[in-house]
Amino acid sequence: MAKGLTNEEIAGDLSLHPKTIGMITKSIKESLGVQRAADITRLALKYELIE
């Protein structure tokens, strides 16, 4: 998600249904207190999880 992949792309990579990824994404955003995928990317950059 932090790399800008769509739910469908993530689902394909993990062999899961896109709706499952959507539910997980929603849970992650709620846990981190963010609303947009761009906020996830910003956090990942801040904590040097991605370049």
N, C-alpha and C. Protein backbone atom coordinates (compact mmCIF):
# COMPACT_ATOMS: atom_id res chain seq x y z
N MET A 1 0.83 -1.18 0.00
CA MET A 1 0.00 0.00 0.00
C MET A 1 0.88 1.25 0.00
N ALA A 2 1.94 1.24 0.79
CA ALA A 2 2.81 2.40 0.87
C ALA A 2 3.52 2.67 -0.45
N LYS A 3 3.66 1.65 -1.28
CA LYS A 3 4.32 1.82 -2.57
C LYS A 3 3.35 2.29 -3.65
N GLY A 4 2.10 2.54 -3.30
CA GLY A 4 1.14 3.06 -4.25
C GLY A 4 0.36 2.00 -5.02
N LEU A 5 0.45 0.75 -4.60
CA LEU A 5 -0.29 -0.31 -5.28
C LEU A 5 -1.78 -0.21 -4.96
N THR A 6 -2.61 -0.62 -5.91
CA THR A 6 -4.05 -0.66 -5.68
C THR A 6 -4.41 -1.92 -4.89
N ASN A 7 -5.60 -1.94 -4.35
CA ASN A 7 -6.07 -3.14 -3.64
C ASN A 7 -6.04 -4.36 -4.55
N GLU A 8 -6.37 -4.16 -5.81
CA GLU A 8 -6.38 -5.27 -6.76
C GLU A 8 -4.96 -5.80 -6.99
N GLU A 9 -4.00 -4.90 -7.08
CA GLU A 9 -2.61 -5.31 -7.28
C GLU A 9 -2.08 -6.06 -6.04
N ILE A 10 -2.39 -5.53 -4.89
CA ILE A 10 -1.97 -6.19 -3.64
C ILE A 10 -2.61 -7.56 -3.54
N ALA A 11 -3.90 -7.63 -3.84
CA ALA A 11 -4.62 -8.91 -3.78
C ALA A 11 -3.99 -9.93 -4.71
N GLY A 12 -3.62 -9.51 -5.89
CA GLY A 12 -2.98 -10.41 -6.85
C GLY A 12 -1.64 -10.91 -6.34
N ASP A 13 -0.86 -10.02 -5.75
CA ASP A 13 0.45 -10.40 -5.22
C ASP A 13 0.33 -11.39 -4.05
N LEU A 14 -0.74 -11.24 -3.25
CA LEU A 14 -0.90 -12.08 -2.06
C LEU A 14 -1.89 -13.22 -2.26
N SER A 15 -2.44 -13.34 -3.45
CA SER A 15 -3.45 -14.36 -3.76
C SER A 15 -4.65 -14.28 -2.82
N LEU A 16 -5.12 -13.05 -2.62
CA LEU A 16 -6.31 -12.81 -1.80
C LEU A 16 -7.34 -12.05 -2.64
N HIS A 17 -8.56 -12.00 -2.13
CA HIS A 17 -9.63 -11.28 -2.81
C HIS A 17 -9.46 -9.78 -2.55
N PRO A 18 -9.70 -8.94 -3.56
CA PRO A 18 -9.58 -7.50 -3.36
C PRO A 18 -10.43 -6.96 -2.21
N LYS A 19 -11.59 -7.55 -1.96
CA LYS A 19 -12.42 -7.09 -0.84
C LYS A 19 -11.73 -7.35 0.50
N THR A 20 -11.01 -8.46 0.58
CA THR A 20 -10.25 -8.76 1.80
C THR A 20 -9.18 -7.69 2.02
N ILE A 21 -8.49 -7.33 0.97
CA ILE A 21 -7.46 -6.30 1.06
C ILE A 21 -8.10 -4.97 1.44
N GLY A 22 -9.27 -4.68 0.90
CA GLY A 22 -9.98 -3.45 1.25
C GLY A 22 -10.31 -3.38 2.73
N MET A 23 -10.73 -4.48 3.30
CA MET A 23 -11.06 -4.52 4.73
C MET A 23 -9.79 -4.34 5.56
N ILE A 24 -8.71 -4.99 5.16
CA ILE A 24 -7.45 -4.86 5.87
C ILE A 24 -6.92 -3.44 5.77
N THR A 25 -7.01 -2.87 4.58
CA THR A 25 -6.57 -1.48 4.36
C THR A 25 -7.33 -0.53 5.27
N LYS A 26 -8.63 -0.70 5.34
CA LYS A 26 -9.47 0.15 6.19
C LYS A 26 -9.04 0.02 7.65
N SER A 27 -8.79 -1.18 8.10
CA SER A 27 -8.37 -1.42 9.48
C SER A 27 -7.01 -0.76 9.76
N ILE A 28 -6.09 -0.89 8.83
CA ILE A 28 -4.76 -0.28 9.00
C ILE A 28 -4.89 1.24 9.09
N LYS A 29 -5.67 1.82 8.21
CA LYS A 29 -5.85 3.28 8.22
C LYS A 29 -6.46 3.74 9.54
N GLU A 30 -7.46 3.01 10.04
CA GLU A 30 -8.09 3.36 11.31
C GLU A 30 -7.08 3.25 12.45
N SER A 31 -6.28 2.20 12.45
CA SER A 31 -5.29 1.99 13.51
C SER A 31 -4.24 3.08 13.52
N LEU A 32 -3.85 3.54 12.33
CA LEU A 32 -2.82 4.57 12.22
C LEU A 32 -3.39 5.99 12.31
N GLY A 33 -4.70 6.10 12.26
CA GLY A 33 -5.34 7.40 12.34
C GLY A 33 -5.17 8.23 11.09
N VAL A 34 -5.16 7.57 9.93
CA VAL A 34 -5.05 8.28 8.65
C VAL A 34 -6.26 7.96 7.79
N GLN A 35 -6.45 8.77 6.74
CA GLN A 35 -7.61 8.58 5.89
C GLN A 35 -7.27 8.20 4.46
N ARG A 36 -6.07 8.56 4.01
CA ARG A 36 -5.71 8.34 2.61
C ARG A 36 -4.50 7.43 2.49
N ALA A 37 -4.39 6.77 1.36
CA ALA A 37 -3.23 5.91 1.10
C ALA A 37 -1.95 6.74 1.07
N ALA A 38 -2.05 7.99 0.63
CA ALA A 38 -0.88 8.87 0.61
C ALA A 38 -0.32 9.08 2.01
N ASP A 39 -1.20 9.07 3.01
CA ASP A 39 -0.75 9.21 4.40
C ASP A 39 0.06 7.99 4.83
N ILE A 40 -0.31 6.82 4.34
CA ILE A 40 0.44 5.59 4.62
C ILE A 40 1.84 5.71 4.02
N THR A 41 1.91 6.20 2.79
CA THR A 41 3.20 6.38 2.13
C THR A 41 4.07 7.36 2.91
N ARG A 42 3.47 8.45 3.35
CA ARG A 42 4.20 9.45 4.11
C ARG A 42 4.79 8.85 5.39
N LEU A 43 4.00 8.05 6.09
CA LEU A 43 4.48 7.39 7.30
C LEU A 43 5.60 6.39 7.01
N ALA A 44 5.44 5.64 5.93
CA ALA A 44 6.46 4.67 5.56
C ALA A 44 7.78 5.37 5.22
N LEU A 45 7.72 6.50 4.57
CA LEU A 45 8.93 7.27 4.29
C LEU A 45 9.55 7.82 5.56
N LYS A 46 8.71 8.33 6.44
CA LYS A 46 9.19 8.89 7.71
C LYS A 46 9.95 7.86 8.52
N TYR A 47 9.45 6.64 8.56
CA TYR A 47 10.07 5.59 9.35
C TYR A 47 11.02 4.71 8.53
N GLU A 48 11.35 5.20 7.33
CA GLU A 48 12.31 4.57 6.44
C GLU A 48 11.97 3.11 6.11
N LEU A 49 10.68 2.84 5.92
CA LEU A 49 10.23 1.52 5.51
C LEU A 49 10.31 1.37 4.00
N ILE A 50 10.26 2.51 3.30
CA ILE A 50 10.43 2.55 1.85
C ILE A 50 11.30 3.77 1.54
N GLU A 51 11.83 3.79 0.31
CA GLU A 51 12.63 4.95 -0.13
C GLU A 51 11.85 5.79 -1.08
